[in-house]
Amino acid sequence: MMMYRTMDSRGPELVPGYKEIPVTSGIFYVSFIFFVSLFIMNNFVGVIISAFNKERDALGKNFLLTASQRK
């Protein structure tokens, strides 16, 4: 919704115009959403991997193996 409002805007003190759609606004919003979602996903995966490595160091390297696998 915000992307369409920005694409319709023409400047200060001017009414919105839907026929003059600037392509750069759409490209900006799509690229912004793409890069922000990658950044958030990268942080989420980084936190999960960091927590897994801390638990692995605390419990030992082979804590996920069964008794028969450890032999």
PDB file of N, CA and C in Angstrom:
ATOM      1  N   MET A   1       0.817  -1.173   0.000  1.00  0.00           N
ATOM      2  CA  MET A   1       0.000   0.000   0.000  1.00  0.00           C
ATOM      3  C   MET A   1       0.872   1.252   0.000  1.00  0.00           C
ATOM      4  N   MET A   2       1.944   1.229   0.790  1.00  0.00           N
ATOM      5  CA  MET A   2       2.825   2.391   0.845  1.00  0.00           C
ATOM      6  C   MET A   2       3.564   2.564  -0.477  1.00  0.00           C
ATOM      7  N   MET A   3       3.895   1.458  -1.132  1.00  0.00           N
ATOM      8  CA  MET A   3       4.578   1.557  -2.418  1.00  0.00           C
ATOM      9  C   MET A   3       3.697   2.266  -3.441  1.00  0.00           C
ATOM     10  N   TYR A   4       2.428   1.955  -3.476  1.00  0.00           N
ATOM     11  CA  TYR A   4       1.534   2.580  -4.451  1.00  0.00           C
ATOM     12  C   TYR A   4       1.337   4.059  -4.152  1.00  0.00           C
ATOM     13  N   ARG A   5       1.292   4.429  -2.869  1.00  0.00           N
ATOM     14  CA  ARG A   5       1.180   5.844  -2.521  1.00  0.00           C
ATOM     15  C   ARG A   5       2.414   6.611  -2.964  1.00  0.00           C
ATOM     16  N   THR A   6       3.575   6.019  -2.779  1.00  0.00           N
ATOM     17  CA  THR A   6       4.804   6.675  -3.197  1.00  0.00           C
ATOM     18  C   THR A   6       4.881   6.767  -4.710  1.00  0.00           C
ATOM     19  N   MET A   7       4.449   5.745  -5.395  1.00  0.00           N
ATOM     20  CA  MET A   7       4.497   5.769  -6.859  1.00  0.00           C
ATOM     21  C   MET A   7       3.509   6.780  -7.432  1.00  0.00           C
ATOM     22  N   ASP A   8       2.412   7.041  -6.717  1.00  0.00           N
ATOM     23  CA  ASP A   8       1.435   8.017  -7.189  1.00  0.00           C
ATOM     24  C   ASP A   8       1.826   9.454  -6.869  1.00  0.00           C
ATOM     25  N   SER A   9       2.761   9.647  -5.945  1.00  0.00           N
ATOM     26  CA  SER A   9       3.107  11.013  -5.550  1.00  0.00           C
ATOM     27  C   SER A   9       3.927  11.686  -6.650  1.00  0.00           C
ATOM     28  N   ARG A  10       3.695  12.987  -6.799  1.00  0.00           N
ATOM     29  CA  ARG A  10       4.404  13.743  -7.827  1.00  0.00           C
ATOM     30  C   ARG A  10       5.271  14.833  -7.232  1.00  0.00           C
ATOM     31  N   GLY A  11       5.081  15.180  -6.009  1.00  0.00           N
ATOM     32  CA  GLY A  11       5.872  16.219  -5.373  1.00  0.00           C
ATOM     33  C   GLY A  11       5.055  16.958  -4.338  1.00  0.00           C
ATOM     34  N   PRO A  12       5.701  17.874  -3.620  1.00  0.00           N
ATOM     35  CA  PRO A  12       4.966  18.631  -2.614  1.00  0.00           C
ATOM     36  C   PRO A  12       3.966  19.586  -3.269  1.00  0.00           C
ATOM     37  N   GLU A  13       2.833  19.735  -2.616  1.00  0.00           N
ATOM     38  CA  GLU A  13       1.771  20.640  -3.060  1.00  0.00           C
ATOM     39  C   GLU A  13       1.146  20.244  -4.403  1.00  0.00           C
ATOM     40  N   LEU A  14       1.314  18.987  -4.819  1.00  0.00           N
ATOM     41  CA  LEU A  14       0.705  18.494  -6.057  1.00  0.00           C
ATOM     42  C   LEU A  14      -0.196  17.312  -5.730  1.00  0.00           C
ATOM     43  N   VAL A  15      -1.271  17.177  -6.469  1.00  0.00           N
ATOM     44  CA  VAL A  15      -2.165  16.054  -6.253  1.00  0.00           C
ATOM     45  C   VAL A  15      -1.539  14.780  -6.820  1.00  0.00           C
ATOM     46  N   PRO A  16      -1.877  13.621  -6.245  1.00  0.00           N
ATOM     47  CA  PRO A  16      -1.328  12.368  -6.768  1.00  0.00           C
ATOM     48  C   PRO A  16      -1.788  12.123  -8.202  1.00  0.00           C
ATOM     49  N   GLY A  17      -0.900  11.566  -8.999  1.00  0.00           N
ATOM     50  CA  GLY A  17      -1.238  11.242 -10.375  1.00  0.00           C
ATOM     51  C   GLY A  17      -0.906   9.798 -10.659  1.00  0.00           C
ATOM     52  N   TYR A  18      -1.897   9.035 -10.987  1.00  0.00           N
ATOM     53  CA  TYR A  18      -1.675   7.608 -11.198  1.00  0.00           C
ATOM     54  C   TYR A  18      -1.210   7.289 -12.605  1.00  0.00           C
ATOM     55  N   LYS A  19      -1.282   8.225 -13.532  1.00  0.00           N
ATOM     56  CA  LYS A  19      -0.870   7.935 -14.908  1.00  0.00           C
ATOM     57  C   LYS A  19       0.626   8.121 -15.098  1.00  0.00           C
ATOM     58  N   GLU A  20       1.255   8.873 -14.242  1.00  0.00           N
ATOM     59  CA  GLU A  20       2.688   9.131 -14.348  1.00  0.00           C
ATOM     60  C   GLU A  20       3.425   8.270 -13.339  1.00  0.00           C
ATOM     61  N   ILE A  21       3.482   6.986 -13.582  1.00  0.00           N
ATOM     62  CA  ILE A  21       4.078   6.060 -12.619  1.00  0.00           C
ATOM     63  C   ILE A  21       5.587   5.986 -12.856  1.00  0.00           C
ATOM     64  N   PRO A  22       6.381   6.443 -11.873  1.00  0.00           N
ATOM     65  CA  PRO A  22       7.834   6.320 -12.021  1.00  0.00           C
ATOM     66  C   PRO A  22       8.276   4.888 -11.721  1.00  0.00           C
ATOM     67  N   VAL A  23       9.038   4.339 -12.601  1.00  0.00           N
ATOM     68  CA  VAL A  23       9.500   2.960 -12.453  1.00  0.00           C
ATOM     69  C   VAL A  23      10.525   2.862 -11.331  1.00  0.00           C
ATOM     70  N   THR A  24      11.259   3.936 -11.093  1.00  0.00           N
ATOM     71  CA  THR A  24      12.314   3.884 -10.078  1.00  0.00           C
ATOM     72  C   THR A  24      11.759   3.663  -8.676  1.00  0.00           C
ATOM     73  N   SER A  25      10.587   4.170  -8.387  1.00  0.00           N
ATOM     74  CA  SER A  25       9.994   3.954  -7.059  1.00  0.00           C
ATOM     75  C   SER A  25       9.658   2.486  -6.851  1.00  0.00           C
ATOM     76  N   GLY A  26       9.106   1.858  -7.849  1.00  0.00           N
ATOM     77  CA  GLY A  26       8.783   0.433  -7.745  1.00  0.00           C
ATOM     78  C   GLY A  26      10.023  -0.419  -7.593  1.00  0.00           C
ATOM     79  N   ILE A  27      11.051  -0.105  -8.364  1.00  0.00           N
ATOM     80  CA  ILE A  27      12.308  -0.854  -8.266  1.00  0.00           C
ATOM     81  C   ILE A  27      12.936  -0.654  -6.892  1.00  0.00           C
ATOM     82  N   PHE A  28      12.869   0.575  -6.373  1.00  0.00           N
ATOM     83  CA  PHE A  28      13.413   0.843  -5.045  1.00  0.00           C
ATOM     84  C   PHE A  28      12.710   0.002  -3.987  1.00  0.00           C
ATOM     85  N   TYR A  29      11.393  -0.018  -3.991  1.00  0.00           N
ATOM     86  CA  TYR A  29      10.658  -0.758  -2.969  1.00  0.00           C
ATOM     87  C   TYR A  29      10.875  -2.263  -3.082  1.00  0.00           C
ATOM     88  N   VAL A  30      10.889  -2.784  -4.275  1.00  0.00           N
ATOM     89  CA  VAL A  30      11.098  -4.228  -4.440  1.00  0.00           C
ATOM     90  C   VAL A  30      12.499  -4.607  -3.984  1.00  0.00           C
ATOM     91  N   SER A  31      13.501  -3.820  -4.364  1.00  0.00           N
ATOM     92  CA  SER A  31      14.871  -4.131  -3.941  1.00  0.00           C
ATOM     93  C   SER A  31      15.035  -3.948  -2.435  1.00  0.00           C
ATOM     94  N   PHE A  32      14.386  -2.936  -1.861  1.00  0.00           N
ATOM     95  CA  PHE A  32      14.462  -2.722  -0.418  1.00  0.00           C
ATOM     96  C   PHE A  32      13.880  -3.902   0.340  1.00  0.00           C
ATOM     97  N   ILE A  33      12.714  -4.356  -0.047  1.00  0.00           N
ATOM     98  CA  ILE A  33      12.086  -5.508   0.610  1.00  0.00           C
ATOM     99  C   ILE A  33      12.948  -6.757   0.446  1.00  0.00           C
ATOM    100  N   PHE A  34      13.521  -6.941  -0.726  1.00  0.00           N
ATOM    101  CA  PHE A  34      14.364  -8.111  -0.991  1.00  0.00           C
ATOM    102  C   PHE A  34      15.587  -8.117  -0.080  1.00  0.00           C
ATOM    103  N   PHE A  35      16.314  -7.007  -0.026  1.00  0.00           N
ATOM    104  CA  PHE A  35      17.538  -6.965   0.766  1.00  0.00           C
ATOM    105  C   PHE A  35      17.266  -6.981   2.267  1.00  0.00           C
ATOM    106  N   VAL A  36      16.205  -6.352   2.707  1.00  0.00           N
ATOM    107  CA  VAL A  36      15.868  -6.382   4.131  1.00  0.00           C
ATOM    108  C   VAL A  36      15.459  -7.790   4.557  1.00  0.00           C
ATOM    109  N   SER A  37      14.708  -8.482   3.717  1.00  0.00           N
ATOM    110  CA  SER A  37      14.319  -9.849   4.074  1.00  0.00           C
ATOM    111  C   SER A  37      15.534 -10.772   4.111  1.00  0.00           C
ATOM    112  N   LEU A  38      16.490 -10.579   3.195  1.00  0.00           N
ATOM    113  CA  LEU A  38      17.712 -11.390   3.246  1.00  0.00           C
ATOM    114  C   LEU A  38      18.516 -11.087   4.507  1.00  0.00           C
ATOM    115  N   PHE A  39      18.587  -9.828   4.888  1.00  0.00           N
ATOM    116  CA  PHE A  39      19.323  -9.446   6.089  1.00  0.00           C
ATOM    117  C   PHE A  39      18.693 -10.062   7.332  1.00  0.00           C
ATOM    118  N   ILE A  40      17.388  -9.999   7.453  1.00  0.00           N
ATOM    119  CA  ILE A  40      16.706 -10.561   8.622  1.00  0.00           C
ATOM    120  C   ILE A  40      16.851 -12.077   8.654  1.00  0.00           C
ATOM    121  N   MET A  41      16.737 -12.724   7.500  1.00  0.00           N
ATOM    122  CA  MET A  41      16.886 -14.179   7.453  1.00  0.00           C
ATOM    123  C   MET A  41      18.316 -14.579   7.807  1.00  0.00           C
ATOM    124  N   ASN A  42      19.299 -13.814   7.342  1.00  0.00           N
ATOM    125  CA  ASN A  42      20.689 -14.102   7.652  1.00  0.00           C
ATOM    126  C   ASN A  42      20.946 -13.967   9.150  1.00  0.00           C
ATOM    127  N   ASN A  43      20.381 -12.943   9.776  1.00  0.00           N
ATOM    128  CA  ASN A  43      20.532 -12.789  11.225  1.00  0.00           C
ATOM    129  C   ASN A  43      19.861 -13.933  11.974  1.00  0.00           C
ATOM    130  N   PHE A  44      18.698 -14.352  11.536  1.00  0.00           N
ATOM    131  CA  PHE A  44      17.976 -15.450  12.177  1.00  0.00           C
ATOM    132  C   PHE A  44      18.774 -16.747  12.104  1.00  0.00           C
ATOM    133  N   VAL A  45      19.305 -17.060  10.936  1.00  0.00           N
ATOM    134  CA  VAL A  45      20.098 -18.280  10.774  1.00  0.00           C
ATOM    135  C   VAL A  45      21.386 -18.183  11.577  1.00  0.00           C
ATOM    136  N   GLY A  46      21.996 -17.009  11.624  1.00  0.00           N
ATOM    137  CA  GLY A  46      23.215 -16.823  12.398  1.00  0.00           C
ATOM    138  C   GLY A  46      23.001 -17.058  13.880  1.00  0.00           C
ATOM    139  N   VAL A  47      21.888 -16.608  14.410  1.00  0.00           N
ATOM    140  CA  VAL A  47      21.585 -16.813  15.829  1.00  0.00           C
ATOM    141  C   VAL A  47      21.352 -18.294  16.108  1.00  0.00           C
ATOM    142  N   ILE A  48      20.666 -18.968  15.231  1.00  0.00           N
ATOM    143  CA  ILE A  48      20.413 -20.406  15.425  1.00  0.00           C
ATOM    144  C   ILE A  48      21.712 -21.199  15.377  1.00  0.00           C
ATOM    145  N   ILE A  49      22.583 -20.895  14.424  1.00  0.00           N
ATOM    146  CA  ILE A  49      23.862 -21.610  14.319  1.00  0.00           C
ATOM    147  C   ILE A  49      24.745 -21.310  15.518  1.00  0.00           C
ATOM    148  N   SER A  50      24.741 -20.063  15.971  1.00  0.00           N
ATOM    149  CA  SER A  50      25.527 -19.699  17.150  1.00  0.00           C
ATOM    150  C   SER A  50      25.048 -20.443  18.384  1.00  0.00           C
ATOM    151  N   ALA A  51      23.747 -20.533  18.577  1.00  0.00           N
ATOM    152  CA  ALA A  51      23.205 -21.261  19.720  1.00  0.00           C
ATOM    153  C   ALA A  51      23.525 -22.750  19.624  1.00  0.00           C
ATOM    154  N   PHE A  52      23.453 -23.310  18.422  1.00  0.00           N
ATOM    155  CA  PHE A  52      23.785 -24.727  18.243  1.00  0.00           C
ATOM    156  C   PHE A  52      25.253 -24.983  18.574  1.00  0.00           C
ATOM    157  N   ASN A  53      26.144 -24.096  18.127  1.00  0.00           N
ATOM    158  CA  ASN A  53      27.576 -24.269  18.414  1.00  0.00           C
ATOM    159  C   ASN A  53      27.874 -24.137  19.898  1.00  0.00           C
ATOM    160  N   LYS A  54      27.188 -23.239  20.608  1.00  0.00           N
ATOM    161  CA  LYS A  54      27.380 -23.120  22.055  1.00  0.00           C
ATOM    162  C   LYS A  54      26.939 -24.390  22.765  1.00  0.00           C
ATOM    163  N   GLU A  55      25.814 -24.942  22.364  1.00  0.00           N
ATOM    164  CA  GLU A  55      25.337 -26.183  22.980  1.00  0.00           C
ATOM    165  C   GLU A  55      26.265 -27.350  22.655  1.00  0.00           C
ATOM    166  N   ARG A  56      26.782 -27.391  21.443  1.00  0.00           N
ATOM    167  CA  ARG A  56      27.695 -28.465  21.068  1.00  0.00           C
ATOM    168  C   ARG A  56      28.983 -28.383  21.880  1.00  0.00           C
ATOM    169  N   ASP A  57      29.482 -27.159  22.107  1.00  0.00           N
ATOM    170  CA  ASP A  57      30.684 -27.012  22.922  1.00  0.00           C
ATOM    171  C   ASP A  57      30.426 -27.379  24.379  1.00  0.00           C
ATOM    172  N   ALA A  58      29.238 -27.074  24.867  1.00  0.00           N
ATOM    173  CA  ALA A  58      28.917 -27.385  26.268  1.00  0.00           C
ATOM    174  C   ALA A  58      28.702 -28.882  26.484  1.00  0.00           C
ATOM    175  N   LEU A  59      28.093 -29.560  25.535  1.00  0.00           N
ATOM    176  CA  LEU A  59      27.755 -30.976  25.710  1.00  0.00           C
ATOM    177  C   LEU A  59      28.774 -31.925  25.105  1.00  0.00           C
ATOM    178  N   GLY A  60      29.701 -31.445  24.343  1.00  0.00           N
ATOM    179  CA  GLY A  60      30.678 -32.297  23.692  1.00  0.00           C
ATOM    180  C   GLY A  60      30.332 -32.461  22.222  1.00  0.00           C
ATOM    181  N   LYS A  61      31.322 -32.879  21.446  1.00  0.00           N
ATOM    182  CA  LYS A  61      31.127 -32.954  20.002  1.00  0.00           C
ATOM    183  C   LYS A  61      30.128 -34.018  19.571  1.00  0.00           C
ATOM    184  N   ASN A  62      30.040 -35.104  20.301  1.00  0.00           N
ATOM    185  CA  ASN A  62      29.234 -36.250  19.881  1.00  0.00           C
ATOM    186  C   ASN A  62      27.896 -36.352  20.620  1.00  0.00           C
ATOM    187  N   PHE A  63      27.333 -35.249  21.049  1.00  0.00           N
ATOM    188  CA  PHE A  63      26.111 -35.332  21.857  1.00  0.00           C
ATOM    189  C   PHE A  63      24.895 -35.740  21.038  1.00  0.00           C
ATOM    190  N   LEU A  64      24.952 -35.633  19.722  1.00  0.00           N
ATOM    191  CA  LEU A  64      23.811 -36.043  18.902  1.00  0.00           C
ATOM    192  C   LEU A  64      23.865 -37.513  18.491  1.00  0.00           C
ATOM    193  N   LEU A  65      24.979 -38.171  18.768  1.00  0.00           N
ATOM    194  CA  LEU A  65      25.118 -39.568  18.369  1.00  0.00           C
ATOM    195  C   LEU A  65      24.505 -40.497  19.410  1.00  0.00           C
ATOM    196  N   THR A  66      24.012 -41.622  18.944  1.00  0.00           N
ATOM    197  CA  THR A  66      23.510 -42.641  19.867  1.00  0.00           C
ATOM    198  C   THR A  66      24.699 -43.402  20.451  1.00  0.00           C
ATOM    199  N   ALA A  67      24.419 -44.268  21.404  1.00  0.00           N
ATOM    200  CA  ALA A  67      25.503 -45.030  22.053  1.00  0.00           C
ATOM    201  C   ALA A  67      26.206 -45.950  21.043  1.00  0.00           C
ATOM    202  N   SER A  68      25.435 -46.566  20.147  1.00  0.00           N
ATOM    203  CA  SER A  68      26.065 -47.455  19.167  1.00  0.00           C
ATOM    204  C   SER A  68      26.884 -46.676  18.143  1.00  0.00           C
ATOM    205  N   GLN A  69      26.480 -45.458  17.829  1.00  0.00           N
ATOM    206  CA  GLN A  69      27.230 -44.644  16.895  1.00  0.00           C
ATOM    207  C   GLN A  69      28.531 -44.131  17.515  1.00  0.00           C
ATOM    208  N   ARG A  70      28.526 -43.903  18.820  1.00  0.00           N
ATOM    209  CA  ARG A  70      29.741 -43.422  19.478  1.00  0.00           C
ATOM    210  C   ARG A  70      30.838 -44.467  19.508  1.00  0.00           C
ATOM    211  N   LYS A  71      30.451 -45.758  19.511  1.00  0.00           N
ATOM    212  CA  LYS A  71      31.437 -46.840  19.521  1.00  0.00           C
ATOM    213  C   LYS A  71      32.103 -46.888  18.178  1.00  0.00           C
TER     214      LYS A  71
END
